[in-house]
N, C-alpha and C. Protein backbone atom coordinates (compact mmCIF):
# COMPACT_ATOMS: atom_id res chain seq x y z
N UNK A 1 111.06 128.73 12.04
CA UNK A 1 112.43 128.45 12.38
C UNK A 1 113.18 129.73 12.76
N UNK A 2 112.88 130.83 12.02
CA UNK A 2 113.55 132.09 12.32
C UNK A 2 113.16 132.57 13.71
N UNK A 3 111.91 132.37 14.10
CA UNK A 3 111.52 132.83 15.43
C UNK A 3 112.21 132.00 16.50
N UNK A 4 112.46 130.72 16.26
CA UNK A 4 113.21 129.88 17.21
C UNK A 4 114.65 130.37 17.31
N UNK A 5 115.27 130.76 16.19
CA UNK A 5 116.62 131.28 16.20
C UNK A 5 116.66 132.61 16.95
N UNK A 6 115.70 133.49 16.69
CA UNK A 6 115.65 134.77 17.40
C UNK A 6 115.46 134.54 18.90
N UNK A 7 114.58 133.60 19.24
CA UNK A 7 114.36 133.29 20.65
C UNK A 7 115.63 132.75 21.29
N UNK A 8 116.32 131.83 20.61
CA UNK A 8 117.57 131.25 21.13
C UNK A 8 118.63 132.33 21.28
N UNK A 9 118.74 133.19 20.28
CA UNK A 9 119.73 134.26 20.34
C UNK A 9 119.39 135.22 21.48
N UNK A 10 118.13 135.54 21.65
CA UNK A 10 117.70 136.42 22.75
C UNK A 10 117.98 135.77 24.09
N UNK A 11 117.72 134.48 24.21
CA UNK A 11 117.96 133.75 25.44
C UNK A 11 119.45 133.73 25.78
N UNK A 12 120.29 133.47 24.78
CA UNK A 12 121.74 133.45 25.00
C UNK A 12 122.22 134.83 25.42
N UNK A 13 121.73 135.87 24.75
CA UNK A 13 122.12 137.23 25.10
C UNK A 13 121.71 137.56 26.54
N UNK A 14 120.49 137.17 26.89
CA UNK A 14 120.00 137.42 28.24
C UNK A 14 120.85 136.69 29.28
N UNK A 15 121.17 135.44 29.03
CA UNK A 15 121.99 134.66 29.96
C UNK A 15 123.37 135.30 30.10
N UNK A 16 123.97 135.71 28.99
CA UNK A 16 125.29 136.34 29.06
C UNK A 16 125.22 137.66 29.81
N UNK A 17 124.18 138.43 29.56
CA UNK A 17 124.02 139.71 30.23
C UNK A 17 123.87 139.53 31.74
N UNK A 18 123.05 138.57 32.14
CA UNK A 18 122.83 138.34 33.56
C UNK A 18 124.03 137.72 34.25
N UNK A 19 124.84 136.96 33.50
CA UNK A 19 125.99 136.32 34.13
C UNK A 19 127.15 137.29 34.32
N UNK A 20 127.14 138.39 33.57
CA UNK A 20 128.16 139.41 33.73
C UNK A 20 127.63 140.43 34.71
N UNK A 21 128.39 140.68 35.76
CA UNK A 21 127.95 141.69 36.72
C UNK A 21 129.12 142.57 37.08
N UNK A 22 128.79 143.74 37.52
CA UNK A 22 129.79 144.68 37.97
C UNK A 22 129.87 144.58 39.48
N UNK A 23 131.07 144.36 39.99
CA UNK A 23 131.27 144.30 41.43
C UNK A 23 132.23 145.41 41.80
N UNK A 24 131.69 146.49 42.32
CA UNK A 24 132.51 147.64 42.69
C UNK A 24 133.08 147.50 44.09
N UNK A 25 132.77 146.42 44.77
CA UNK A 25 133.25 146.23 46.12
C UNK A 25 134.70 145.77 46.08
N UNK A 26 135.62 146.47 46.74
CA UNK A 26 137.01 146.05 46.76
C UNK A 26 137.15 144.66 47.40
N UNK A 27 138.12 143.92 46.91
CA UNK A 27 138.35 142.58 47.45
C UNK A 27 138.63 142.67 48.94
N UNK A 28 137.95 141.83 49.71
CA UNK A 28 138.18 141.76 51.14
C UNK A 28 137.48 142.83 51.95
N UNK A 29 136.70 143.71 51.31
CA UNK A 29 136.11 144.82 52.06
C UNK A 29 135.02 144.37 53.02
N UNK A 30 134.44 143.21 52.81
CA UNK A 30 133.43 142.69 53.72
C UNK A 30 133.93 141.40 54.38
N UNK A 31 135.22 141.18 54.37
CA UNK A 31 135.83 139.97 54.86
C UNK A 31 135.95 140.02 56.38
N UNK A 32 135.20 139.17 57.06
CA UNK A 32 135.24 139.14 58.53
C UNK A 32 136.64 138.86 59.05
N UNK A 33 137.41 138.05 58.30
CA UNK A 33 138.76 137.71 58.74
C UNK A 33 139.65 138.95 58.85
N UNK A 34 139.33 139.98 58.07
CA UNK A 34 140.12 141.21 58.13
C UNK A 34 139.92 141.92 59.47
N UNK A 35 138.82 141.68 60.13
CA UNK A 35 138.50 142.36 61.38
C UNK A 35 138.77 141.50 62.60
N UNK A 36 138.42 140.22 62.53
CA UNK A 36 138.49 139.34 63.70
C UNK A 36 139.91 139.31 64.26
N UNK A 37 140.00 139.53 65.57
CA UNK A 37 141.30 139.51 66.24
C UNK A 37 141.43 140.69 67.20
N UNK A 38 142.65 140.96 67.59
CA UNK A 38 142.95 142.00 68.57
C UNK A 38 143.63 143.17 67.88
N UNK A 39 143.18 144.36 68.22
CA UNK A 39 143.69 145.61 67.65
C UNK A 39 144.18 146.49 68.79
N UNK A 40 145.37 147.09 68.61
CA UNK A 40 145.95 147.96 69.62
C UNK A 40 145.87 149.42 69.21
N UNK A 41 145.58 150.27 70.18
CA UNK A 41 145.56 151.71 69.95
C UNK A 41 146.97 152.19 69.64
N UNK A 42 147.16 152.87 68.51
CA UNK A 42 148.48 153.40 68.14
C UNK A 42 148.47 154.93 68.04
N UNK A 43 147.28 155.52 67.94
CA UNK A 43 147.16 156.97 67.91
C UNK A 43 145.89 157.39 68.64
N UNK A 44 146.02 158.37 69.49
CA UNK A 44 144.88 159.04 70.11
C UNK A 44 145.18 160.52 69.95
N UNK A 45 144.61 161.11 68.93
CA UNK A 45 144.99 162.45 68.50
C UNK A 45 144.09 163.54 69.07
N UNK A 46 144.74 164.67 69.38
CA UNK A 46 144.06 165.84 69.92
C UNK A 46 144.39 167.05 69.04
N UNK A 47 143.57 168.07 69.19
CA UNK A 47 143.83 169.32 68.50
C UNK A 47 143.37 170.45 69.41
N UNK A 48 144.20 171.43 69.65
CA UNK A 48 145.54 171.64 69.10
C UNK A 48 146.58 170.76 69.80
N UNK A 49 147.77 170.66 69.16
CA UNK A 49 148.88 169.91 69.74
C UNK A 49 149.19 170.42 71.14
N UNK A 50 149.65 169.51 72.00
CA UNK A 50 150.01 169.88 73.38
C UNK A 50 151.35 169.24 73.73
N UNK A 51 152.10 169.90 74.60
CA UNK A 51 153.35 169.35 75.13
C UNK A 51 153.07 168.82 76.53
N UNK A 52 152.45 167.66 76.57
CA UNK A 52 152.00 167.08 77.84
C UNK A 52 153.17 166.65 78.72
N UNK A 53 154.21 166.09 78.12
CA UNK A 53 155.35 165.59 78.90
C UNK A 53 156.42 166.65 79.13
N UNK A 54 156.15 167.90 78.73
CA UNK A 54 157.06 169.03 78.95
C UNK A 54 158.47 168.80 78.41
N UNK A 55 158.56 168.17 77.23
CA UNK A 55 159.87 167.96 76.62
C UNK A 55 160.20 169.04 75.59
N UNK A 56 159.34 170.04 75.47
CA UNK A 56 159.56 171.13 74.54
C UNK A 56 158.96 170.91 73.16
N UNK A 57 158.33 169.75 72.95
CA UNK A 57 157.72 169.44 71.65
C UNK A 57 156.25 169.12 71.83
N UNK A 58 155.41 169.95 71.25
CA UNK A 58 153.96 169.69 71.28
C UNK A 58 153.65 168.62 70.23
N UNK A 59 152.67 167.77 70.53
CA UNK A 59 152.33 166.67 69.64
C UNK A 59 150.82 166.47 69.65
N UNK A 60 150.29 165.98 68.54
CA UNK A 60 148.86 165.70 68.48
C UNK A 60 148.52 164.31 69.01
N UNK A 61 149.47 163.38 68.98
CA UNK A 61 149.23 162.01 69.43
C UNK A 61 149.57 161.87 70.91
N UNK A 62 148.55 161.70 71.72
CA UNK A 62 148.75 161.59 73.17
C UNK A 62 149.66 160.41 73.51
N UNK A 63 149.64 159.35 72.72
CA UNK A 63 150.47 158.18 73.02
C UNK A 63 151.96 158.50 72.99
N UNK A 64 152.38 159.51 72.23
CA UNK A 64 153.79 159.90 72.23
C UNK A 64 154.13 160.79 73.41
N UNK A 65 153.12 161.31 74.08
CA UNK A 65 153.31 162.22 75.21
C UNK A 65 153.14 161.53 76.57
N UNK A 66 152.26 160.52 76.63
CA UNK A 66 151.99 159.81 77.89
C UNK A 66 152.06 158.31 77.64
N UNK A 67 152.90 157.62 78.39
CA UNK A 67 153.04 156.17 78.17
C UNK A 67 151.98 155.34 78.89
N UNK A 68 151.09 156.00 79.63
CA UNK A 68 150.05 155.27 80.36
C UNK A 68 148.81 155.00 79.52
N UNK A 69 148.71 155.64 78.37
CA UNK A 69 147.52 155.51 77.53
C UNK A 69 147.63 154.27 76.66
N UNK A 70 146.58 153.45 76.68
CA UNK A 70 146.56 152.25 75.84
C UNK A 70 145.11 151.85 75.60
N UNK A 71 144.92 151.09 74.56
CA UNK A 71 143.59 150.59 74.26
C UNK A 71 143.68 149.33 73.44
N UNK A 72 142.75 148.42 73.67
CA UNK A 72 142.69 147.17 72.93
C UNK A 72 141.25 146.91 72.54
N UNK A 73 141.04 146.76 71.24
CA UNK A 73 139.74 146.36 70.70
C UNK A 73 139.86 144.90 70.27
N UNK A 74 138.89 144.09 70.65
CA UNK A 74 138.88 142.68 70.25
C UNK A 74 137.58 142.41 69.51
N UNK A 75 137.73 141.84 68.31
CA UNK A 75 136.57 141.50 67.48
C UNK A 75 136.49 139.98 67.36
N UNK A 76 135.30 139.45 67.62
CA UNK A 76 135.09 138.01 67.58
C UNK A 76 134.24 137.62 66.37
N UNK A 77 134.32 136.35 66.01
CA UNK A 77 133.65 135.81 64.83
C UNK A 77 132.13 135.92 64.92
N UNK A 78 131.58 135.97 66.14
CA UNK A 78 130.13 136.07 66.30
C UNK A 78 129.63 137.51 66.21
N UNK A 79 130.47 138.38 65.65
CA UNK A 79 130.16 139.80 65.44
C UNK A 79 129.97 140.57 66.74
N UNK A 80 130.70 140.18 67.79
CA UNK A 80 130.73 140.95 69.02
C UNK A 80 132.13 141.54 69.18
N UNK A 81 132.20 142.63 69.93
CA UNK A 81 133.48 143.28 70.20
C UNK A 81 133.56 143.66 71.67
N UNK A 82 134.80 143.87 72.12
CA UNK A 82 135.03 144.38 73.48
C UNK A 82 136.20 145.35 73.44
N UNK A 83 136.21 146.26 74.39
CA UNK A 83 137.23 147.30 74.47
C UNK A 83 137.74 147.40 75.89
N UNK A 84 139.06 147.55 76.04
CA UNK A 84 139.69 147.92 77.30
C UNK A 84 140.54 149.15 76.99
N UNK A 85 140.32 150.25 77.71
CA UNK A 85 140.95 151.52 77.39
C UNK A 85 141.46 152.19 78.66
N UNK A 86 142.79 152.42 78.70
CA UNK A 86 143.41 153.19 79.77
C UNK A 86 143.61 154.59 79.22
N UNK A 87 142.77 155.51 79.62
CA UNK A 87 142.75 156.82 78.98
C UNK A 87 143.32 157.93 79.82
N UNK A 88 142.78 159.11 79.60
CA UNK A 88 143.27 160.32 80.23
C UNK A 88 142.12 161.14 80.78
N UNK A 89 142.46 162.00 81.71
CA UNK A 89 141.56 163.03 82.20
C UNK A 89 142.04 164.35 81.61
N UNK A 90 141.13 165.11 81.02
CA UNK A 90 141.48 166.38 80.39
C UNK A 90 140.70 167.50 81.06
N UNK A 91 141.46 168.51 81.53
CA UNK A 91 140.86 169.67 82.17
C UNK A 91 141.35 170.93 81.47
N UNK A 92 140.42 171.80 81.07
CA UNK A 92 140.79 173.08 80.47
C UNK A 92 141.41 173.98 81.53
N UNK A 93 142.50 174.66 81.15
CA UNK A 93 143.13 175.61 82.08
C UNK A 93 142.76 177.01 81.58
N UNK A 94 143.63 177.64 80.83
CA UNK A 94 143.34 178.94 80.21
C UNK A 94 144.16 179.07 78.94
N UNK A 95 143.76 179.99 78.08
CA UNK A 95 144.57 180.31 76.89
C UNK A 95 144.81 179.14 75.96
N UNK A 96 143.85 178.23 75.86
CA UNK A 96 144.02 177.08 74.96
C UNK A 96 144.91 175.99 75.52
N UNK A 97 145.23 176.07 76.80
CA UNK A 97 146.05 175.05 77.44
C UNK A 97 145.15 174.10 78.23
N UNK A 98 145.63 172.87 78.35
CA UNK A 98 144.85 171.84 79.04
C UNK A 98 145.76 171.03 79.94
N UNK A 99 145.22 170.60 81.06
CA UNK A 99 145.91 169.68 81.94
C UNK A 99 145.46 168.28 81.53
N UNK A 100 146.38 167.50 81.01
CA UNK A 100 146.06 166.15 80.51
C UNK A 100 146.88 165.17 81.32
N UNK A 101 146.19 164.31 82.04
CA UNK A 101 146.85 163.34 82.93
C UNK A 101 146.29 161.94 82.72
N UNK A 102 147.08 160.98 83.13
CA UNK A 102 146.64 159.58 83.05
C UNK A 102 145.44 159.36 83.96
N UNK A 103 144.47 158.62 83.45
CA UNK A 103 143.32 158.24 84.27
C UNK A 103 143.73 157.05 85.13
N UNK A 104 143.16 156.95 86.29
CA UNK A 104 143.52 155.87 87.21
C UNK A 104 142.55 154.70 87.13
N UNK A 105 141.96 154.49 85.97
CA UNK A 105 141.03 153.39 85.80
C UNK A 105 141.02 152.94 84.34
N UNK A 106 140.51 151.76 84.13
CA UNK A 106 140.36 151.22 82.78
C UNK A 106 138.89 151.24 82.41
N UNK A 107 138.59 151.86 81.28
CA UNK A 107 137.22 151.86 80.76
C UNK A 107 137.03 150.61 79.91
N UNK A 108 135.86 150.04 79.98
CA UNK A 108 135.56 148.87 79.16
C UNK A 108 134.26 149.10 78.41
N UNK A 109 134.10 148.39 77.34
CA UNK A 109 132.87 148.47 76.57
C UNK A 109 132.72 147.22 75.73
N UNK A 110 131.51 146.98 75.25
CA UNK A 110 131.28 145.84 74.37
C UNK A 110 130.00 146.06 73.59
N UNK A 111 129.84 145.27 72.55
CA UNK A 111 128.66 145.38 71.71
C UNK A 111 128.78 144.48 70.50
N UNK A 112 128.14 144.88 69.43
CA UNK A 112 128.19 144.11 68.19
C UNK A 112 128.82 144.98 67.10
N UNK A 113 129.26 144.32 66.02
CA UNK A 113 129.89 145.04 64.92
C UNK A 113 129.38 144.55 63.58
N UNK A 114 129.56 145.42 62.59
CA UNK A 114 129.18 145.10 61.21
C UNK A 114 130.20 145.73 60.28
N UNK A 115 130.63 145.00 59.24
CA UNK A 115 131.59 145.51 58.26
C UNK A 115 130.92 145.54 56.89
N UNK A 116 130.99 146.71 56.25
CA UNK A 116 130.45 146.83 54.90
C UNK A 116 131.27 147.88 54.15
N UNK A 117 131.85 147.45 53.01
CA UNK A 117 132.63 148.36 52.15
C UNK A 117 133.70 149.11 52.93
N UNK A 118 134.49 148.39 53.69
CA UNK A 118 135.59 148.93 54.50
C UNK A 118 135.13 149.92 55.57
N UNK A 119 133.84 149.95 55.85
CA UNK A 119 133.29 150.78 56.92
C UNK A 119 132.89 149.85 58.06
N UNK A 120 133.56 149.95 59.18
CA UNK A 120 133.25 149.14 60.35
C UNK A 120 132.37 149.95 61.28
N UNK A 121 131.24 149.38 61.65
CA UNK A 121 130.31 150.05 62.55
C UNK A 121 130.23 149.27 63.85
N UNK A 122 130.46 149.95 64.97
CA UNK A 122 130.33 149.35 66.29
C UNK A 122 129.03 149.83 66.90
N UNK A 123 128.28 148.90 67.45
CA UNK A 123 127.02 149.22 68.12
C UNK A 123 127.17 148.89 69.60
N UNK A 124 126.81 149.87 70.43
CA UNK A 124 126.84 149.67 71.88
C UNK A 124 125.62 150.39 72.45
N UNK A 125 124.56 149.62 72.72
CA UNK A 125 123.32 150.23 73.16
C UNK A 125 122.79 151.17 72.09
N UNK A 126 122.62 152.44 72.45
CA UNK A 126 122.13 153.44 71.50
C UNK A 126 123.27 154.19 70.81
N UNK A 127 124.51 153.81 71.08
CA UNK A 127 125.67 154.48 70.52
C UNK A 127 126.18 153.71 69.30
N UNK A 128 126.53 154.47 68.26
CA UNK A 128 127.11 153.89 67.05
C UNK A 128 128.44 154.59 66.79
N UNK A 129 129.49 153.81 66.54
CA UNK A 129 130.82 154.36 66.29
C UNK A 129 131.29 153.83 64.94
N UNK A 130 131.85 154.72 64.11
CA UNK A 130 132.27 154.35 62.76
C UNK A 130 133.78 154.38 62.63
N UNK A 131 134.34 153.31 62.07
CA UNK A 131 135.76 153.23 61.75
C UNK A 131 135.91 152.93 60.27
N UNK A 132 136.99 153.40 59.70
CA UNK A 132 137.34 153.06 58.32
C UNK A 132 138.49 152.05 58.38
N UNK A 133 138.33 150.95 57.67
CA UNK A 133 139.36 149.92 57.59
C UNK A 133 140.23 150.19 56.38
N UNK A 134 141.54 150.32 56.63
CA UNK A 134 142.51 150.50 55.55
C UNK A 134 143.70 149.61 55.87
N UNK A 135 143.80 148.49 55.14
CA UNK A 135 144.81 147.47 55.41
C UNK A 135 144.66 146.98 56.85
N UNK A 136 145.67 147.21 57.68
CA UNK A 136 145.60 146.73 59.07
C UNK A 136 145.35 147.88 60.06
N UNK A 137 144.73 148.96 59.58
CA UNK A 137 144.45 150.12 60.44
C UNK A 137 142.96 150.44 60.46
N UNK A 138 142.46 150.69 61.65
CA UNK A 138 141.09 151.16 61.85
C UNK A 138 141.17 152.60 62.33
N UNK A 139 140.49 153.51 61.65
CA UNK A 139 140.54 154.93 62.00
C UNK A 139 139.14 155.45 62.28
N UNK A 140 139.01 156.11 63.42
CA UNK A 140 137.76 156.76 63.80
C UNK A 140 138.05 158.26 63.83
N UNK A 141 137.46 158.99 62.88
CA UNK A 141 137.61 160.44 62.85
C UNK A 141 136.50 161.04 63.71
N UNK A 142 136.89 161.56 64.86
CA UNK A 142 135.94 162.15 65.80
C UNK A 142 135.72 163.62 65.43
N UNK A 143 136.81 164.29 65.06
CA UNK A 143 136.71 165.65 64.54
C UNK A 143 136.50 166.74 65.56
N UNK A 144 136.80 166.47 66.82
CA UNK A 144 136.60 167.47 67.87
C UNK A 144 137.94 168.05 68.32
N UNK A 145 137.89 169.25 68.84
CA UNK A 145 139.06 169.86 69.46
C UNK A 145 139.03 169.56 70.95
N UNK A 146 140.16 169.82 71.61
CA UNK A 146 140.21 169.63 73.05
C UNK A 146 139.09 170.42 73.70
N UNK A 147 138.49 169.88 74.72
CA UNK A 147 138.90 168.75 75.55
C UNK A 147 138.47 167.38 75.02
N UNK A 148 138.08 167.27 73.78
CA UNK A 148 137.74 165.98 73.19
C UNK A 148 138.87 165.56 72.25
N UNK A 149 138.68 164.47 71.54
CA UNK A 149 139.71 163.93 70.65
C UNK A 149 139.36 164.21 69.20
N UNK A 150 140.40 164.29 68.36
CA UNK A 150 140.17 164.49 66.93
C UNK A 150 140.09 163.17 66.19
N UNK A 151 140.86 162.16 66.63
CA UNK A 151 140.80 160.84 65.98
C UNK A 151 141.48 159.79 66.84
N UNK A 152 141.18 158.55 66.51
CA UNK A 152 141.86 157.42 67.14
C UNK A 152 142.15 156.39 66.06
N UNK A 153 143.29 155.72 66.19
CA UNK A 153 143.72 154.73 65.21
C UNK A 153 144.16 153.47 65.93
N UNK A 154 143.66 152.33 65.46
CA UNK A 154 144.04 151.02 65.98
C UNK A 154 144.73 150.23 64.88
N UNK A 155 145.73 149.41 65.25
CA UNK A 155 146.38 148.51 64.31
C UNK A 155 146.18 147.08 64.76
N UNK A 156 145.97 146.20 63.78
CA UNK A 156 145.76 144.79 64.09
C UNK A 156 147.07 144.14 64.53
N UNK A 157 146.98 143.33 65.58
CA UNK A 157 148.18 142.61 66.08
C UNK A 157 148.54 141.51 65.13
């Protein structure tokens, strides 16, 4: 009888142990609904700051300097994405200065996406792009200085 009680107690302990789990994943961090929809470019940052519009104030966000820059990322439920981007042409001049002008074309792209632990990964052929999801903002830290970009930020519509 004692061995049956020990077995029952062991079984109950095992069931309780297995039914309790630690979930370190933040709520909604893998939620497709958090991503699906249209996202607008709100920051396209450069380093060092530049006064592109010649108003006397240098800025890191090209969108505050040029009104022609825009971008839209669209994420669909089937884990595909598309991009339309009206960007800029950047040419090095001298002394850390750059000629930054509106591009006369729209770049497009598409591929598949995956969300895990607030890390959004975009796949396009052999290219992989990483964004961090924080509330309604997607941030891609590129980390480059001009003539490249330091970061881009999209906000969900």
